[in-house]
């Protein structure tokens, strides 16, 4: 990815820790909750690998095709579950965003000066600016909403983002973003917020 090596490693660490926590959640809960946790673990580890600084490690060219297949399959799975709640729609958007970034970062995707190998080249932007902008807006709203559910009620941030203390205890309201839907405690919500911020940062590099 674009950006400093230190920032890249920080993102790798945050996404990997979030993925590991989600993996632990697959051991408990209902079948639906375990399935959600598996999807979130895949997203966390996938973003961690994608965020590896290109100056340190350049992934093989075929890696981006693997990303497309894996997260394309995850998107189909999320699409089948989309009727169950807004959080499954969020998984669908996340999986499609990962496919989009993999295509944008694939060698030759942006021409001779494009994002070859982790988007390390300094050439033109990869992807479609309008689509990138829509995803940036979505994740900006998702991050604000998720952060609002973690902030105690009565504060300006919680009121602005639509969060409340009750939303934290109950797992939050579904809503359009579905940030807190699907159950989970404050740590689960914090992991989802972390991955939302990481996705936002990765989209900014396109």
C-alpha atoms as a PDB file:
ATOM      1  CA  UNK A   1       0.000   0.000   0.000  1.00  0.00           C
ATOM      2  CA  UNK A   2       0.923   3.661  -0.288  1.00  0.00           C
ATOM      3  CA  UNK A   3       2.168   5.361   2.878  1.00  0.00           C
ATOM      4  CA  UNK A   4       4.993   4.935   5.345  1.00  0.00           C
ATOM      5  CA  UNK A   5       6.324   1.581   6.450  1.00  0.00           C
ATOM      6  CA  UNK A   6       5.481   2.282  10.095  1.00  0.00           C
ATOM      7  CA  UNK A   7       1.862   3.145   9.266  1.00  0.00           C
ATOM      8  CA  UNK A   8       1.631   0.019   7.133  1.00  0.00           C
ATOM      9  CA  UNK A   9       2.877  -2.247   9.913  1.00  0.00           C
ATOM     10  CA  UNK A  10       0.508  -0.590  12.390  1.00  0.00           C
ATOM     11  CA  UNK A  11      -2.420  -1.354  10.101  1.00  0.00           C
ATOM     12  CA  UNK A  12      -1.184  -4.925   9.653  1.00  0.00           C
ATOM     13  CA  UNK A  13      -1.016  -5.388  13.422  1.00  0.00           C
ATOM     14  CA  UNK A  14      -4.469  -3.903  14.087  1.00  0.00           C
ATOM     15  CA  UNK A  15      -6.142  -5.965  11.363  1.00  0.00           C
ATOM     16  CA  UNK A  16      -4.351  -9.167  12.406  1.00  0.00           C
ATOM     17  CA  UNK A  17      -5.324  -8.714  16.071  1.00  0.00           C
ATOM     18  CA  UNK A  18      -8.929  -8.011  15.047  1.00  0.00           C
ATOM     19  CA  UNK A  19      -8.924 -11.107  12.835  1.00  0.00           C
ATOM     20  CA  UNK A  20      -7.495 -13.229  15.652  1.00  0.00           C
ATOM     21  CA  UNK A  21     -10.166 -12.029  18.074  1.00  0.00           C
ATOM     22  CA  UNK A  22     -12.890 -12.796  15.527  1.00  0.00           C
ATOM     23  CA  UNK A  23     -11.384 -16.249  15.087  1.00  0.00           C
ATOM     24  CA  UNK A  24     -11.709 -16.842  18.830  1.00  0.00           C
ATOM     25  CA  UNK A  25     -15.375 -15.844  18.618  1.00  0.00           C
ATOM     26  CA  UNK A  26     -16.017 -18.712  16.196  1.00  0.00           C
ATOM     27  CA  UNK A  27     -15.767 -21.119  19.146  1.00  0.00           C
ATOM     28  CA  UNK A  28     -18.879 -19.805  20.911  1.00  0.00           C
ATOM     29  CA  UNK A  29     -22.331 -18.481  20.149  1.00  0.00           C
ATOM     30  CA  UNK A  30     -25.082 -19.543  17.802  1.00  0.00           C
ATOM     31  CA  UNK A  31     -24.329 -20.964  14.342  1.00  0.00           C
ATOM     32  CA  UNK A  32     -25.230 -17.599  12.814  1.00  0.00           C
ATOM     33  CA  UNK A  33     -22.903 -15.741  15.197  1.00  0.00           C
ATOM     34  CA  UNK A  34     -20.071 -18.176  14.477  1.00  0.00           C
ATOM     35  CA  UNK A  35     -20.595 -17.695  10.748  1.00  0.00           C
ATOM     36  CA  UNK A  36     -20.466 -13.921  11.191  1.00  0.00           C
ATOM     37  CA  UNK A  37     -17.269 -14.240  13.214  1.00  0.00           C
ATOM     38  CA  UNK A  38     -15.665 -16.393  10.503  1.00  0.00           C
ATOM     39  CA  UNK A  39     -16.496 -13.770   7.899  1.00  0.00           C
ATOM     40  CA  UNK A  40     -15.027 -11.018  10.039  1.00  0.00           C
ATOM     41  CA  UNK A  41     -11.888 -13.068  10.723  1.00  0.00           C
ATOM     42  CA  UNK A  42     -11.401 -13.577   6.985  1.00  0.00           C
ATOM     43  CA  UNK A  43     -11.808  -9.832   6.437  1.00  0.00           C
ATOM     44  CA  UNK A  44      -9.327  -8.983   9.195  1.00  0.00           C
ATOM     45  CA  UNK A  45      -6.601 -11.339   7.998  1.00  0.00           C
ATOM     46  CA  UNK A  46      -7.230 -10.376   4.376  1.00  0.00           C
ATOM     47  CA  UNK A  47      -6.791  -6.682   5.131  1.00  0.00           C
ATOM     48  CA  UNK A  48      -3.687  -7.420   7.212  1.00  0.00           C
ATOM     49  CA  UNK A  49      -2.061  -9.192   4.252  1.00  0.00           C
ATOM     50  CA  UNK A  50      -3.138  -6.476   1.830  1.00  0.00           C
ATOM     51  CA  UNK A  51      -1.692  -3.766   4.081  1.00  0.00           C
ATOM     52  CA  UNK A  52       1.813  -5.259   4.148  1.00  0.00           C
ATOM     53  CA  UNK A  53       4.246  -2.468   3.119  1.00  0.00           C
ATOM     54  CA  UNK A  54       5.433  -3.053  -0.452  1.00  0.00           C
ATOM     55  CA  UNK A  55       8.904  -1.796   0.503  1.00  0.00           C
ATOM     56  CA  UNK A  56       9.232  -4.769   2.869  1.00  0.00           C
ATOM     57  CA  UNK A  57       7.397  -7.536   1.028  1.00  0.00           C
ATOM     58  CA  UNK A  58       5.947  -7.682  -2.469  1.00  0.00           C
ATOM     59  CA  UNK A  59       3.265 -10.332  -2.822  1.00  0.00           C
ATOM     60  CA  UNK A  60       3.315 -12.612  -5.893  1.00  0.00           C
ATOM     61  CA  UNK A  61       1.306 -11.373  -8.865  1.00  0.00           C
ATOM     62  CA  UNK A  62      -1.200 -14.202  -8.555  1.00  0.00           C
ATOM     63  CA  UNK A  63      -2.103 -13.077  -5.032  1.00  0.00           C
ATOM     64  CA  UNK A  64      -4.570 -10.502  -6.350  1.00  0.00           C
ATOM     65  CA  UNK A  65      -6.432 -13.126  -8.372  1.00  0.00           C
ATOM     66  CA  UNK A  66      -6.688 -15.257  -5.216  1.00  0.00           C
ATOM     67  CA  UNK A  67      -8.059 -12.236  -3.340  1.00  0.00           C
ATOM     68  CA  UNK A  68     -10.676 -11.742  -6.032  1.00  0.00           C
ATOM     69  CA  UNK A  69     -11.822 -15.374  -5.894  1.00  0.00           C
ATOM     70  CA  UNK A  70     -11.856 -15.650  -2.085  1.00  0.00           C
ATOM     71  CA  UNK A  71     -13.698 -12.418  -1.420  1.00  0.00           C
ATOM     72  CA  UNK A  72     -15.939 -12.909  -4.432  1.00  0.00           C
ATOM     73  CA  UNK A  73     -17.081 -16.157  -2.804  1.00  0.00           C
ATOM     74  CA  UNK A  74     -17.481 -14.324   0.518  1.00  0.00           C
ATOM     75  CA  UNK A  75     -19.637 -11.720  -1.239  1.00  0.00           C
ATOM     76  CA  UNK A  76     -21.915 -14.431  -2.649  1.00  0.00           C
ATOM     77  CA  UNK A  77     -22.267 -15.954   0.811  1.00  0.00           C
ATOM     78  CA  UNK A  78     -23.110 -12.555   2.310  1.00  0.00           C
ATOM     79  CA  UNK A  79     -25.625 -11.942  -0.467  1.00  0.00           C
ATOM     80  CA  UNK A  80     -27.480 -15.143   0.426  1.00  0.00           C
ATOM     81  CA  UNK A  81     -27.650 -14.003   4.059  1.00  0.00           C
ATOM     82  CA  UNK A  82     -28.498 -10.356   3.330  1.00  0.00           C
ATOM     83  CA  UNK A  83     -32.163 -10.803   4.237  1.00  0.00           C
ATOM     84  CA  UNK A  84     -31.277 -11.647   7.840  1.00  0.00           C
ATOM     85  CA  UNK A  85     -30.076  -8.187   8.744  1.00  0.00           C
ATOM     86  CA  UNK A  86     -28.138  -5.064   7.860  1.00  0.00           C
ATOM     87  CA  UNK A  87     -24.877  -6.482   9.188  1.00  0.00           C
ATOM     88  CA  UNK A  88     -24.871  -9.091   6.415  1.00  0.00           C
ATOM     89  CA  UNK A  89     -25.257  -6.238   3.925  1.00  0.00           C
ATOM     90  CA  UNK A  90     -22.206  -4.658   5.513  1.00  0.00           C
ATOM     91  CA  UNK A  91     -20.272  -7.900   4.979  1.00  0.00           C
ATOM     92  CA  UNK A  92     -21.408  -7.863   1.356  1.00  0.00           C
ATOM     93  CA  UNK A  93     -20.110  -4.315   0.879  1.00  0.00           C
ATOM     94  CA  UNK A  94     -16.835  -5.204   2.620  1.00  0.00           C
ATOM     95  CA  UNK A  95     -16.250  -8.292   0.497  1.00  0.00           C
ATOM     96  CA  UNK A  96     -16.990  -6.407  -2.714  1.00  0.00           C
ATOM     97  CA  UNK A  97     -14.671  -3.611  -1.576  1.00  0.00           C
ATOM     98  CA  UNK A  98     -11.877  -6.160  -1.099  1.00  0.00           C
ATOM     99  CA  UNK A  99     -12.471  -7.535  -4.612  1.00  0.00           C
ATOM    100  CA  UNK A 100     -12.433  -3.987  -5.971  1.00  0.00           C
ATOM    101  CA  UNK A 101      -9.147  -3.127  -4.235  1.00  0.00           C
ATOM    102  CA  UNK A 102      -7.551  -6.393  -5.387  1.00  0.00           C
ATOM    103  CA  UNK A 103      -8.457  -5.581  -8.988  1.00  0.00           C
ATOM    104  CA  UNK A 104      -7.236  -1.994  -8.612  1.00  0.00           C
ATOM    105  CA  UNK A 105      -3.901  -3.119  -7.130  1.00  0.00           C
ATOM    106  CA  UNK A 106      -3.244  -5.937  -9.585  1.00  0.00           C
ATOM    107  CA  UNK A 107      -0.136  -5.394 -11.730  1.00  0.00           C
ATOM    108  CA  UNK A 108      -1.012  -3.448 -14.862  1.00  0.00           C
ATOM    109  CA  UNK A 109      -4.463  -2.467 -13.559  1.00  0.00           C
ATOM    110  CA  UNK A 110      -3.675   1.236 -13.838  1.00  0.00           C
ATOM    111  CA  UNK A 111      -1.366   1.085 -16.846  1.00  0.00           C
ATOM    112  CA  UNK A 112       2.382   1.486 -16.880  1.00  0.00           C
ATOM    113  CA  UNK A 113       2.402   3.832 -13.909  1.00  0.00           C
ATOM    114  CA  UNK A 114      -0.243   2.039 -11.908  1.00  0.00           C
ATOM    115  CA  UNK A 115      -0.514   0.079  -8.696  1.00  0.00           C
ATOM    116  CA  UNK A 116       1.826  -2.805  -9.404  1.00  0.00           C
ATOM    117  CA  UNK A 117       2.588  -4.860  -6.306  1.00  0.00           C
ATOM    118  CA  UNK A 118       0.681  -3.433  -3.325  1.00  0.00           C
ATOM    119  CA  UNK A 119       0.110  -0.219  -5.216  1.00  0.00           C
ATOM    120  CA  UNK A 120       3.654   0.791  -4.476  1.00  0.00           C
ATOM    121  CA  UNK A 121       4.250   2.613  -7.718  1.00  0.00           C
ATOM    122  CA  UNK A 122       3.780   6.326  -7.658  1.00  0.00           C
ATOM    123  CA  UNK A 123       1.690   6.503 -10.780  1.00  0.00           C
ATOM    124  CA  UNK A 124      -1.952   7.384 -11.314  1.00  0.00           C
ATOM    125  CA  UNK A 125      -4.777   6.231  -9.121  1.00  0.00           C
ATOM    126  CA  UNK A 126      -6.119   2.735  -9.527  1.00  0.00           C
ATOM    127  CA  UNK A 127      -9.796   1.898  -9.681  1.00  0.00           C
ATOM    128  CA  UNK A 128     -12.751   4.096 -10.556  1.00  0.00           C
ATOM    129  CA  UNK A 129     -12.741   7.457  -8.722  1.00  0.00           C
ATOM    130  CA  UNK A 130     -16.533   7.579  -8.403  1.00  0.00           C
ATOM    131  CA  UNK A 131     -16.759   4.060  -6.956  1.00  0.00           C
ATOM    132  CA  UNK A 132     -13.839   4.755  -4.634  1.00  0.00           C
ATOM    133  CA  UNK A 133     -15.613   7.905  -3.449  1.00  0.00           C
ATOM    134  CA  UNK A 134     -18.854   6.030  -2.761  1.00  0.00           C
ATOM    135  CA  UNK A 135     -16.989   3.403  -0.707  1.00  0.00           C
ATOM    136  CA  UNK A 136     -15.106   6.112   1.182  1.00  0.00           C
ATOM    137  CA  UNK A 137     -18.395   7.805   2.060  1.00  0.00           C
ATOM    138  CA  UNK A 138     -19.926   4.520   3.183  1.00  0.00           C
ATOM    139  CA  UNK A 139     -17.014   3.629   5.460  1.00  0.00           C
ATOM    140  CA  UNK A 140     -16.756   7.161   6.838  1.00  0.00           C
ATOM    141  CA  UNK A 141     -20.405   6.936   7.908  1.00  0.00           C
ATOM    142  CA  UNK A 142     -19.871   3.394   9.196  1.00  0.00           C
ATOM    143  CA  UNK A 143     -16.924   4.488  11.343  1.00  0.00           C
ATOM    144  CA  UNK A 144     -18.847   7.460  12.742  1.00  0.00           C
ATOM    145  CA  UNK A 145     -21.847   5.294  13.563  1.00  0.00           C
ATOM    146  CA  UNK A 146     -19.764   2.520  15.134  1.00  0.00           C
ATOM    147  CA  UNK A 147     -17.773   5.015  17.196  1.00  0.00           C
ATOM    148  CA  UNK A 148     -21.024   6.573  18.365  1.00  0.00           C
ATOM    149  CA  UNK A 149     -22.171   3.245  19.798  1.00  0.00           C
ATOM    150  CA  UNK A 150     -18.963   3.006  21.843  1.00  0.00           C
ATOM    151  CA  UNK A 151     -19.170   6.526  23.279  1.00  0.00           C
ATOM    152  CA  UNK A 152     -21.245   6.917  26.484  1.00  0.00           C
ATOM    153  CA  UNK A 153     -24.629   8.556  26.044  1.00  0.00           C
ATOM    154  CA  UNK A 154     -24.869  12.285  26.618  1.00  0.00           C
ATOM    155  CA  UNK A 155     -21.657  13.235  24.811  1.00  0.00           C
ATOM    156  CA  UNK A 156     -21.632  15.306  21.668  1.00  0.00           C
ATOM    157  CA  UNK A 157     -19.957  12.569  19.628  1.00  0.00           C
ATOM    158  CA  UNK A 158     -22.502   9.946  20.616  1.00  0.00           C
ATOM    159  CA  UNK A 159     -25.392  12.241  19.794  1.00  0.00           C
ATOM    160  CA  UNK A 160     -23.874  13.203  16.444  1.00  0.00           C
ATOM    161  CA  UNK A 161     -23.190   9.604  15.421  1.00  0.00           C
ATOM    162  CA  UNK A 162     -26.468   8.212  16.698  1.00  0.00           C
ATOM    163  CA  UNK A 163     -24.848   6.121  19.436  1.00  0.00           C
ATOM    164  CA  UNK A 164     -25.885   5.473  23.016  1.00  0.00           C
ATOM    165  CA  UNK A 165     -24.865   3.474  26.045  1.00  0.00           C
ATOM    166  CA  UNK A 166     -27.922   1.275  25.521  1.00  0.00           C
ATOM    167  CA  UNK A 167     -26.726   0.576  21.978  1.00  0.00           C
ATOM    168  CA  UNK A 168     -23.478  -0.815  23.377  1.00  0.00           C
ATOM    169  CA  UNK A 169     -25.209  -3.097  25.860  1.00  0.00           C
ATOM    170  CA  UNK A 170     -27.774  -4.365  23.380  1.00  0.00           C
ATOM    171  CA  UNK A 171     -25.380  -4.751  20.503  1.00  0.00           C
ATOM    172  CA  UNK A 172     -26.576  -1.540  18.838  1.00  0.00           C
ATOM    173  CA  UNK A 173     -29.286  -0.857  16.340  1.00  0.00           C
ATOM    174  CA  UNK A 174     -29.130  -2.302  12.866  1.00  0.00           C
ATOM    175  CA  UNK A 175     -29.859   0.726  10.747  1.00  0.00           C
ATOM    176  CA  UNK A 176     -28.541   1.233   7.246  1.00  0.00           C
ATOM    177  CA  UNK A 177     -24.928   0.760   8.254  1.00  0.00           C
ATOM    178  CA  UNK A 178     -25.603  -2.219  10.513  1.00  0.00           C
ATOM    179  CA  UNK A 179     -22.407  -1.426  12.390  1.00  0.00           C
ATOM    180  CA  UNK A 180     -23.450  -2.910  15.679  1.00  0.00           C
ATOM    181  CA  UNK A 181     -25.958  -5.444  14.451  1.00  0.00           C
ATOM    182  CA  UNK A 182     -25.311  -9.119  14.770  1.00  0.00           C
ATOM    183  CA  UNK A 183     -24.628  -9.116  18.492  1.00  0.00           C
ATOM    184  CA  UNK A 184     -21.380  -8.746  20.348  1.00  0.00           C
ATOM    185  CA  UNK A 185     -19.915  -6.833  23.248  1.00  0.00           C
ATOM    186  CA  UNK A 186     -17.840  -3.662  23.297  1.00  0.00           C
ATOM    187  CA  UNK A 187     -14.675  -5.503  22.249  1.00  0.00           C
ATOM    188  CA  UNK A 188     -16.436  -7.018  19.251  1.00  0.00           C
ATOM    189  CA  UNK A 189     -17.706  -3.600  18.252  1.00  0.00           C
ATOM    190  CA  UNK A 190     -14.245  -2.115  18.729  1.00  0.00           C
ATOM    191  CA  UNK A 191     -12.793  -4.743  16.358  1.00  0.00           C
ATOM    192  CA  UNK A 192     -15.418  -3.904  13.768  1.00  0.00           C
ATOM    193  CA  UNK A 193     -14.634  -0.225  14.191  1.00  0.00           C
ATOM    194  CA  UNK A 194     -10.911  -0.951  13.770  1.00  0.00           C
ATOM    195  CA  UNK A 195     -11.517  -2.844  10.540  1.00  0.00           C
ATOM    196  CA  UNK A 196     -13.777  -0.068   9.298  1.00  0.00           C
ATOM    197  CA  UNK A 197     -11.042   2.502   9.899  1.00  0.00           C
ATOM    198  CA  UNK A 198      -8.491   0.236   8.204  1.00  0.00           C
ATOM    199  CA  UNK A 199     -10.735  -0.158   5.169  1.00  0.00           C
ATOM    200  CA  UNK A 200     -11.187   3.597   5.018  1.00  0.00           C
ATOM    201  CA  UNK A 201      -7.403   4.116   5.145  1.00  0.00           C
ATOM    202  CA  UNK A 202      -6.786   1.500   2.445  1.00  0.00           C
ATOM    203  CA  UNK A 203      -9.367   3.037   0.129  1.00  0.00           C
ATOM    204  CA  UNK A 204      -7.657   6.404   0.553  1.00  0.00           C
ATOM    205  CA  UNK A 205      -4.489   4.928  -0.970  1.00  0.00           C
ATOM    206  CA  UNK A 206      -6.212   4.110  -4.274  1.00  0.00           C
END
